[in-house]
Amino acid sequence: MKKIISLFSLIVLILSCNTTEPPAKPPADKGKITISVEDTSCIEAWIKITTTNLQLPTTVTLKKNNTVVQDIILQNKDSVVYIDSLLPKTTYTFQAFIRSSNQTFKSSELNVTTMDTTSHNFTWQTWTFGENSSSALYDVAIIDENNIWAVGEIYMNDSLGNPDPTRYNLVVWDGNNWTIKRVPYYYQGQPFYNPIQTVFAFGTNDIWFGGNGVIHWDGNQYNPVPIPSSVWGPHQINKIWGTSSSDLYIVGNNGNIAHFNGTSWQKIESGTDLNIQDIWGVPDGNNGFYKYLAADNAMLKINQQNELTRISVDQDMILLSIWAKTDKLIYTAGNGVFLFKNNYWEKIDELEANTTYRIKGEELNEIYGIVLPGSTINYFNGYSWYQIYTEQNNRFWRIDSKGKIVAATGYAGDSAIITIIRKN
């Protein structure tokens, strides 16, 4: 009897091993939604929403602290949502929901903390240069608090007290004293000491100057960097920006733009003959930079391939200055402060900002501007504007900032001036 049972069990085992039924199908990929923070300011946040294996378009509900703040129609699997009206130094909890095919998909909770505001407590000091004629400083670059370079045109007297016919065009701060210098531009072997309009510094031994031409300080000497006439004609250079000495941009009058790759110059057609006053770059999220240019009645944008697009401005806007920390929020100034965010223009309609014509920042809670008639510096701490008043006859032209130091250059009467502002 035991042999019969064993034989029967063996037959069953053999049959089960040779079944022709197909293997079970793996479970289908489940839909998923995730959220992450892209950027924050003191009062804003940018939240990235990413979907996986969900049919699009679809509606996403975004909650902040368990309260619905937005319903978004999602067209792409990756989208960035802008949230405003937040408070400084506050943590918010966000979560996203999608209801699809009788199912609800939800993201994990995301904690987002806004930036804190910064201090309005400043001290400042002004230095003057020049002994005859009309001196002025047009631009400044801060390397650190003990290394500041300002450029322009300065007219001094000689050892006999007579006007020196050879102008100075540079002053350098070493932490204790200013030194007046001459930067030569050599043409056909002869030095020329022309006014310098702009300066951009990568470091103590890597500084670029622009005016009627381009000059590079390499730590040992001032080297002219000629530009072919086919790239740049007899036009003034107004501003320099770059990521390195082999990735450098210059902008100037009559719509001129050029790029230097460390070896040769390339002309970039702007599509305008108006003067381009400023350029600034921000990361493009793809190991490159977007370059934004202030071109009077338009904002220009150059991508990593040096392709240019024109962004129209609202009626009556004038763009003279530009700065940004992120591609999502561009600060401009000319006849007031205008923000370009989420592809729309927004005016800062506050008394302190209405006549700002230059702007520069460190972070989104540390932004400085020069206000008409030119003796007042605006400061935005991320939440509110504050004004720093200097001597009434000061007329500032440009401004730079680094860390707790701000420098503004210009003129007062016939003297060139630079004011150093320190944040306490």
Protein backbone atom coordinates (compact mmCIF):
# COMPACT_ATOMS: atom_id res chain seq x y z
CA MET A 1 0.00 0.00 0.00
CA LYS A 2 2.82 2.43 0.83
CA LYS A 3 4.41 1.71 -2.56
CA ILE A 4 1.18 2.64 -4.35
CA ILE A 5 0.93 5.96 -2.47
CA SER A 6 4.56 6.79 -3.21
CA LEU A 7 4.11 6.01 -6.90
CA PHE A 8 1.01 8.24 -7.03
CA SER A 9 2.89 11.12 -5.34
CA LEU A 10 5.75 10.83 -7.83
CA ILE A 11 3.36 11.01 -10.80
CA VAL A 12 1.68 14.15 -9.36
CA LEU A 13 5.07 15.78 -8.82
CA ILE A 14 6.17 15.08 -12.39
CA LEU A 15 2.95 16.44 -13.85
CA SER A 16 3.13 19.62 -11.76
CA CYS A 17 6.68 20.32 -12.97
CA ASN A 18 5.63 20.08 -16.62
CA THR A 19 2.65 22.42 -16.48
CA THR A 20 2.15 24.61 -19.57
CA GLU A 21 0.64 27.57 -17.66
CA PRO A 22 2.48 30.88 -18.37
CA PRO A 23 4.48 32.52 -15.58
CA ALA A 24 2.75 35.21 -13.53
CA LYS A 25 3.04 38.75 -14.95
CA PRO A 26 5.09 41.24 -12.90
CA PRO A 27 2.98 43.94 -11.26
CA ALA A 28 2.54 47.10 -13.31
CA ASP A 29 4.60 50.14 -12.27
CA LYS A 30 2.64 52.23 -9.85
CA GLY A 31 2.04 55.91 -10.34
CA LYS A 32 4.07 58.27 -8.19
CA ILE A 33 4.29 61.98 -7.36
CA THR A 34 7.23 63.66 -5.61
CA ILE A 35 7.95 67.27 -4.61
CA SER A 36 11.21 69.09 -3.86
CA VAL A 37 12.24 72.66 -3.14
CA GLU A 38 13.99 74.53 -5.96
CA ASP A 39 14.53 77.96 -4.38
CA THR A 40 13.36 80.11 -1.51
CA SER A 41 13.50 83.77 -0.55
CA CYS A 42 12.24 85.37 2.65
CA ILE A 43 8.68 85.49 1.33
CA GLU A 44 8.59 83.04 -1.60
CA ALA A 45 9.24 79.42 -2.50
CA TRP A 46 9.54 77.47 -5.74
CA ILE A 47 8.34 73.85 -5.45
CA LYS A 48 9.17 71.27 -8.13
CA ILE A 49 6.50 68.64 -8.79
CA THR A 50 7.56 65.41 -10.55
CA THR A 51 5.22 62.62 -11.67
CA THR A 52 6.05 59.05 -12.70
CA ASN A 53 3.72 56.70 -14.65
CA LEU A 54 0.74 59.03 -14.40
CA GLN A 55 -1.35 60.13 -17.33
CA LEU A 56 -1.00 63.79 -18.27
CA PRO A 57 -2.43 66.36 -18.26
CA THR A 58 -3.72 65.99 -14.73
CA THR A 59 -4.73 68.20 -11.83
CA VAL A 60 -2.43 68.47 -8.83
CA THR A 61 -3.62 69.82 -5.50
CA LEU A 62 -0.87 71.42 -3.45
CA LYS A 63 -1.39 71.83 0.29
CA LYS A 64 0.53 74.04 2.67
CA ASN A 65 0.16 73.10 6.33
CA ASN A 66 -2.84 70.93 5.38
CA THR A 67 -4.59 73.82 3.60
CA VAL A 68 -5.05 73.86 -0.16
CA VAL A 69 -3.02 76.69 -1.71
CA GLN A 70 -3.18 75.80 -5.41
CA ASP A 71 -4.79 73.47 -7.92
CA ILE A 72 -2.41 73.12 -10.85
CA ILE A 73 -3.08 71.54 -14.24
CA LEU A 74 0.11 69.60 -14.86
CA GLN A 75 1.08 69.38 -18.54
CA ASN A 76 4.59 67.96 -18.10
CA LYS A 77 6.03 65.39 -15.74
CA ASP A 78 8.28 68.09 -14.21
CA SER A 79 6.82 71.48 -13.27
CA VAL A 80 7.77 74.26 -10.86
CA VAL A 81 5.09 75.96 -8.77
CA TYR A 82 5.55 79.45 -7.34
CA ILE A 83 4.30 80.16 -3.81
CA ASP A 84 4.25 83.71 -2.41
CA SER A 85 2.94 85.57 0.65
CA LEU A 86 5.14 83.57 3.01
CA LEU A 87 6.83 84.86 6.15
CA PRO A 88 10.59 85.08 6.77
CA LYS A 89 12.37 82.37 8.75
CA THR A 90 9.28 80.15 8.85
CA THR A 91 8.97 76.44 8.14
CA TYR A 92 6.03 75.27 6.04
CA THR A 93 4.93 71.72 5.25
CA PHE A 94 3.88 71.01 1.66
CA GLN A 95 2.23 67.94 0.16
CA ALA A 96 0.85 67.26 -3.32
CA PHE A 97 -2.14 65.10 -4.32
CA ILE A 98 -3.42 63.70 -7.62
CA ARG A 99 -6.77 61.96 -8.02
CA SER A 100 -6.71 59.76 -11.13
CA SER A 101 -8.76 56.70 -12.21
CA ASN A 102 -10.49 56.44 -8.86
CA GLN A 103 -7.13 56.45 -7.12
CA THR A 104 -5.38 59.07 -5.02
CA PHE A 105 -1.64 59.55 -5.31
CA LYS A 106 0.14 61.69 -2.76
CA SER A 107 3.69 62.84 -2.27
CA SER A 108 5.67 62.67 0.92
CA GLU A 109 5.52 65.77 3.07
CA LEU A 110 8.17 68.41 2.30
CA ASN A 111 9.37 70.91 4.90
CA VAL A 112 10.45 74.24 3.42
CA THR A 113 12.06 77.00 5.50
CA THR A 114 12.14 80.53 4.13
CA MET A 115 15.21 82.75 4.44
CA ASP A 116 15.66 85.05 7.41
CA THR A 117 15.84 88.82 6.96
CA THR A 118 19.17 90.61 7.36
CA SER A 119 20.21 93.61 9.41
CA HIS A 120 19.56 97.26 8.50
CA ASN A 121 22.50 98.40 10.62
CA PHE A 122 25.24 100.04 8.51
CA THR A 123 28.17 102.43 8.81
CA TRP A 124 29.83 104.17 5.87
CA GLN A 125 32.81 106.31 4.87
CA THR A 126 33.58 108.29 1.68
CA TRP A 127 36.96 109.02 0.05
CA THR A 128 37.57 111.64 -2.65
CA PHE A 129 40.18 111.79 -5.43
CA GLY A 130 41.23 114.43 -7.92
CA GLU A 131 42.81 117.88 -7.74
CA ASN A 132 41.78 119.50 -11.01
CA SER A 133 39.34 119.11 -13.90
CA SER A 134 36.39 116.70 -13.53
CA SER A 135 37.31 113.37 -11.95
CA ALA A 136 34.93 110.42 -11.58
CA LEU A 137 34.95 106.71 -10.74
CA TYR A 138 32.68 104.66 -12.99
CA ASP A 139 32.84 101.12 -11.60
CA VAL A 140 34.19 99.02 -8.73
CA ALA A 141 35.07 95.38 -8.03
CA ILE A 142 35.39 93.98 -4.50
CA ILE A 143 37.72 90.99 -4.17
CA ASP A 144 37.58 91.12 -0.37
CA GLU A 145 37.36 93.80 2.31
CA ASN A 146 41.10 94.49 1.97
CA ASN A 147 41.25 94.37 -1.81
CA ILE A 148 38.97 96.75 -3.75
CA TRP A 149 39.58 98.10 -7.28
CA ALA A 150 37.75 101.13 -8.65
CA VAL A 151 38.16 102.62 -12.14
CA GLY A 152 37.41 105.87 -13.93
CA GLU A 153 39.39 109.03 -14.64
CA ILE A 154 41.29 111.00 -12.01
CA TYR A 155 43.15 114.25 -12.62
CA MET A 156 45.94 115.17 -10.21
CA ASN A 157 48.56 117.90 -9.93
CA ASP A 158 52.23 117.28 -10.54
CA SER A 159 55.04 117.90 -8.03
CA LEU A 160 54.99 121.61 -8.89
CA GLY A 161 51.28 121.95 -8.25
CA ASN A 162 50.39 122.19 -11.91
CA PRO A 163 47.76 119.97 -13.60
CA ASP A 164 49.34 116.65 -14.55
CA PRO A 165 48.57 116.06 -18.25
CA THR A 166 48.54 112.28 -17.79
CA ARG A 167 45.37 111.07 -16.09
CA TYR A 168 45.07 108.25 -13.56
CA ASN A 169 42.36 105.64 -14.10
CA LEU A 170 42.54 103.22 -11.15
CA VAL A 171 42.45 103.34 -7.34
CA VAL A 172 43.18 100.26 -5.20
CA TRP A 173 42.30 99.70 -1.54
CA ASP A 174 44.61 97.47 0.54
CA GLY A 175 42.62 97.56 3.77
CA ASN A 176 44.34 100.69 5.09
CA ASN A 177 45.03 103.07 2.21
CA TRP A 178 44.07 103.91 -1.35
CA THR A 179 46.73 103.89 -4.06
CA ILE A 180 46.16 105.86 -7.28
CA LYS A 181 47.46 104.09 -10.39
CA ARG A 182 47.64 104.34 -14.16
CA VAL A 183 46.56 101.38 -16.29
CA PRO A 184 48.10 101.63 -19.77
CA TYR A 185 46.55 100.49 -23.01
CA TYR A 186 49.34 99.88 -25.49
CA TYR A 187 48.67 100.69 -29.10
CA GLN A 188 51.46 100.39 -31.66
CA GLY A 189 53.94 100.27 -28.78
CA GLN A 190 52.73 103.49 -27.15
CA PRO A 191 50.92 103.62 -23.76
CA PHE A 192 47.59 105.42 -23.55
CA TYR A 193 45.87 106.13 -20.23
CA ASN A 194 42.25 106.38 -21.26
CA PRO A 195 39.31 106.54 -18.85
CA ILE A 196 38.23 103.04 -17.78
CA GLN A 197 34.50 102.41 -17.66
CA THR A 198 34.25 99.00 -16.02
CA VAL A 199 36.20 96.40 -14.04
CA PHE A 200 35.53 92.71 -13.32
CA ALA A 201 37.72 90.63 -11.01
CA PHE A 202 38.10 86.87 -10.72
CA GLY A 203 40.92 87.30 -8.20
CA THR A 204 43.89 89.48 -7.27
CA ASN A 205 45.90 88.26 -10.28
CA ASP A 206 43.03 88.00 -12.76
CA ILE A 207 41.29 91.34 -13.32
CA TRP A 208 39.66 92.68 -16.49
CA PHE A 209 39.17 96.32 -17.50
CA GLY A 210 37.01 97.79 -20.25
CA GLY A 211 36.51 101.18 -21.82
CA ASN A 212 37.78 101.99 -25.29
CA GLY A 213 39.42 98.54 -25.29
CA VAL A 214 40.01 95.51 -23.07
CA ILE A 215 42.95 95.16 -20.66
CA HIS A 216 43.85 92.15 -18.50
CA TRP A 217 45.88 92.26 -15.29
CA ASP A 218 47.64 88.90 -14.76
CA GLY A 219 49.35 89.75 -11.49
CA ASN A 220 52.51 91.05 -13.16
CA GLN A 221 51.46 93.40 -15.93
CA TYR A 222 48.57 94.98 -17.79
CA ASN A 223 48.06 93.26 -21.12
CA PRO A 224 45.90 94.67 -23.93
CA VAL A 225 43.49 92.12 -25.41
CA PRO A 226 42.75 93.43 -28.91
CA ILE A 227 39.29 92.86 -30.40
CA PRO A 228 39.00 92.54 -34.20
CA SER A 229 37.14 95.45 -35.77
CA SER A 230 34.74 92.94 -37.32
CA VAL A 231 33.71 91.95 -33.77
CA TRP A 232 33.78 95.32 -32.03
CA GLY A 233 33.97 98.75 -33.63
CA PRO A 234 34.74 102.13 -32.00
CA HIS A 235 32.17 101.59 -29.24
CA GLN A 236 32.48 102.05 -25.50
CA ILE A 237 32.49 98.94 -23.31
CA ASN A 238 30.01 99.38 -20.46
CA LYS A 239 30.20 96.14 -18.51
CA ILE A 240 32.07 92.83 -18.21
CA TRP A 241 30.90 89.48 -16.81
CA GLY A 242 32.19 85.94 -17.03
CA THR A 243 32.82 82.63 -15.31
CA SER A 244 36.56 82.67 -16.07
CA SER A 245 39.15 84.37 -18.26
CA SER A 246 38.29 81.82 -20.95
CA ASP A 247 34.56 82.54 -20.76
CA LEU A 248 34.16 86.30 -20.73
CA TYR A 249 31.45 88.64 -22.07
CA ILE A 250 31.57 92.35 -22.77
CA VAL A 251 28.60 94.61 -23.57
CA GLY A 252 28.52 98.19 -24.71
CA ASN A 253 27.07 100.99 -26.76
CA ASN A 254 25.12 100.57 -29.99
CA GLY A 255 23.95 97.08 -29.01
CA ASN A 256 27.39 95.50 -29.05
CA ILE A 257 28.05 92.12 -27.40
CA ALA A 258 31.16 89.95 -27.65
CA HIS A 259 32.42 86.72 -26.07
CA PHE A 260 36.06 85.79 -25.37
CA ASN A 261 36.98 82.09 -25.05
CA GLY A 262 40.52 82.75 -23.84
CA THR A 263 41.92 82.79 -27.36
CA SER A 264 39.54 84.54 -29.75
CA TRP A 265 36.55 86.89 -29.80
CA GLN A 266 33.07 86.12 -31.14
CA LYS A 267 30.51 88.78 -32.02
CA ILE A 268 26.97 88.14 -30.75
CA GLU A 269 24.25 89.94 -32.66
CA SER A 270 21.89 91.74 -30.27
CA GLY A 271 19.22 92.89 -32.71
CA THR A 272 19.33 96.40 -31.22
CA ASP A 273 21.39 99.55 -31.63
CA LEU A 274 20.55 100.82 -28.14
CA ASN A 275 23.25 100.95 -25.48
CA ILE A 276 23.59 97.80 -23.37
CA GLN A 277 24.48 98.91 -19.85
CA ASP A 278 24.78 95.71 -17.82
CA ILE A 279 25.18 91.92 -17.90
CA TRP A 280 24.86 89.24 -15.23
CA GLY A 281 24.84 85.44 -15.27
CA VAL A 282 22.99 82.75 -13.29
CA PRO A 283 23.27 78.93 -13.41
CA ASP A 284 21.05 77.33 -16.06
CA GLY A 285 20.73 73.98 -14.25
CA ASN A 286 22.78 72.24 -16.95
CA ASN A 287 26.36 73.10 -15.93
CA GLY A 288 26.17 76.39 -17.79
CA PHE A 289 24.93 79.94 -17.30
CA TYR A 290 22.18 82.11 -18.65
CA LYS A 291 23.40 85.64 -19.28
CA TYR A 292 20.88 88.45 -18.80
CA LEU A 293 21.51 91.88 -20.31
CA ALA A 294 19.93 95.26 -19.58
CA ALA A 295 19.32 96.81 -23.01
CA ASP A 296 17.26 99.94 -22.29
CA ASN A 297 13.84 98.90 -23.62
CA ALA A 298 14.40 95.13 -23.51
CA MET A 299 16.05 92.35 -21.54
CA LEU A 300 18.28 90.05 -23.57
CA LYS A 301 19.08 86.44 -22.64
CA ILE A 302 22.06 84.43 -23.91
CA ASN A 303 22.23 80.66 -23.40
CA GLN A 304 25.24 78.34 -23.15
CA GLN A 305 25.47 78.14 -26.95
CA ASN A 306 25.55 81.96 -27.18
CA GLU A 307 22.09 82.01 -28.75
CA LEU A 308 20.22 85.21 -27.91
CA THR A 309 16.55 85.81 -27.20
CA ARG A 310 14.80 89.11 -26.55
CA ILE A 311 12.40 89.54 -23.62
CA SER A 312 10.11 92.51 -24.07
CA VAL A 313 9.52 94.85 -21.15
CA ASP A 314 6.35 96.61 -20.08
CA GLN A 315 5.58 100.03 -21.47
CA ASP A 316 7.62 102.91 -20.00
CA MET A 317 10.17 100.54 -18.42
CA ILE A 318 13.87 101.39 -18.75
CA LEU A 319 16.53 98.78 -17.98
CA LEU A 320 19.98 100.07 -16.98
CA SER A 321 21.05 97.46 -14.44
CA ILE A 322 20.46 93.77 -13.75
CA TRP A 323 21.23 91.19 -11.07
CA ALA A 324 19.98 87.73 -10.10
CA LYS A 325 20.77 84.79 -7.86
CA THR A 326 18.42 82.39 -9.64
CA ASP A 327 16.88 82.16 -13.08
CA LYS A 328 13.46 82.25 -11.45
CA LEU A 329 13.79 85.81 -10.10
CA ILE A 330 15.62 88.53 -12.04
CA TYR A 331 16.06 91.99 -10.49
CA THR A 332 16.34 94.96 -12.85
CA ALA A 333 16.60 98.70 -12.30
CA GLY A 334 16.41 101.84 -14.42
CA ASN A 335 13.37 103.90 -13.59
CA GLY A 336 12.54 101.81 -10.53
CA VAL A 337 12.92 98.17 -9.53
CA PHE A 338 11.22 95.60 -11.73
CA LEU A 339 11.24 91.84 -11.13
CA PHE A 340 11.02 89.26 -13.89
CA LYS A 341 9.61 86.11 -12.33
CA ASN A 342 7.50 83.28 -13.71
CA ASN A 343 7.84 84.95 -17.16
CA TYR A 344 6.03 88.11 -16.04
CA TRP A 345 7.16 91.58 -15.02
CA GLU A 346 6.32 92.93 -11.58
CA LYS A 347 7.10 96.43 -10.34
CA ILE A 348 8.18 97.01 -6.76
CA ASP A 349 5.70 99.76 -6.06
CA GLU A 350 7.29 101.18 -2.93
CA LEU A 351 8.49 104.74 -2.43
CA GLU A 352 12.01 103.63 -1.53
CA ALA A 353 12.40 101.70 -4.80
CA ASN A 354 10.62 103.92 -7.32
CA THR A 355 13.70 105.86 -8.50
CA THR A 356 16.33 103.10 -8.30
CA TYR A 357 18.59 103.01 -11.37
CA ARG A 358 21.37 100.58 -10.33
CA ILE A 359 21.08 97.26 -8.53
CA LYS A 360 23.42 94.59 -7.14
CA GLY A 361 23.00 91.84 -4.59
CA GLU A 362 24.63 89.05 -2.64
CA GLU A 363 21.58 86.97 -1.75
CA LEU A 364 17.84 87.39 -2.12
CA ASN A 365 17.85 88.99 1.35
CA GLU A 366 20.83 91.29 0.60
CA ILE A 367 20.12 93.56 -2.36
CA TYR A 368 21.43 97.09 -2.92
CA GLY A 369 20.39 99.85 -5.30
CA ILE A 370 21.35 103.44 -6.13
CA VAL A 371 18.48 105.93 -5.94
CA LEU A 372 18.03 109.23 -7.75
CA PRO A 373 19.51 111.80 -7.51
CA GLY A 374 22.40 109.51 -6.61
CA SER A 375 23.39 110.04 -2.98
CA THR A 376 21.19 107.35 -1.42
CA ILE A 377 21.69 103.57 -1.34
CA ASN A 378 18.64 101.33 -1.13
CA TYR A 379 18.87 98.09 0.84
CA PHE A 380 16.37 95.21 0.67
CA ASN A 381 16.68 92.71 3.52
CA GLY A 382 14.35 90.17 1.93
CA TYR A 383 11.20 91.68 3.39
CA SER A 384 11.44 95.47 3.48
CA TRP A 385 13.41 98.32 1.94
CA TYR A 386 15.71 100.64 3.89
CA GLN A 387 17.60 103.73 2.73
CA ILE A 388 21.22 104.58 3.56
CA TYR A 389 21.79 108.33 3.22
CA THR A 390 25.26 109.68 2.38
CA GLU A 391 26.46 113.23 1.56
CA GLN A 392 23.82 115.05 -0.47
CA ASN A 393 26.20 116.08 -3.27
CA ASN A 394 27.34 112.49 -3.93
CA ARG A 395 26.37 111.12 -7.33
CA PHE A 396 26.93 107.38 -7.43
CA TRP A 397 27.30 105.61 -10.75
CA ARG A 398 27.80 101.91 -9.94
CA ILE A 399 27.81 99.59 -6.96
CA ASP A 400 29.31 96.25 -5.90
CA SER A 401 28.94 94.06 -2.83
CA LYS A 402 30.67 91.12 -1.23
CA GLY A 403 30.08 89.72 2.23
CA LYS A 404 29.54 92.61 4.62
CA ILE A 405 31.11 95.21 2.31
CA VAL A 406 29.39 97.45 -0.24
CA ALA A 407 31.21 99.95 -2.46
CA ALA A 408 29.59 102.72 -4.52
CA THR A 409 31.53 104.85 -7.00
CA GLY A 410 30.78 108.16 -8.71
CA TYR A 411 31.61 111.82 -8.29
CA ALA A 412 30.91 114.84 -6.08
CA GLY A 413 31.48 118.13 -7.83
CA ASP A 414 34.81 117.81 -9.63
CA SER A 415 36.07 114.98 -7.40
CA ALA A 416 35.88 111.25 -7.89
CA ILE A 417 34.38 109.44 -4.90
CA ILE A 418 34.02 105.97 -3.48
CA THR A 419 31.86 105.19 -0.46
CA ILE A 420 32.45 101.99 1.51
CA ILE A 421 29.43 100.75 3.47
CA ARG A 422 29.90 98.12 6.16
CA LYS A 423 27.15 95.96 7.54
CA ASN A 424 27.35 95.66 11.33
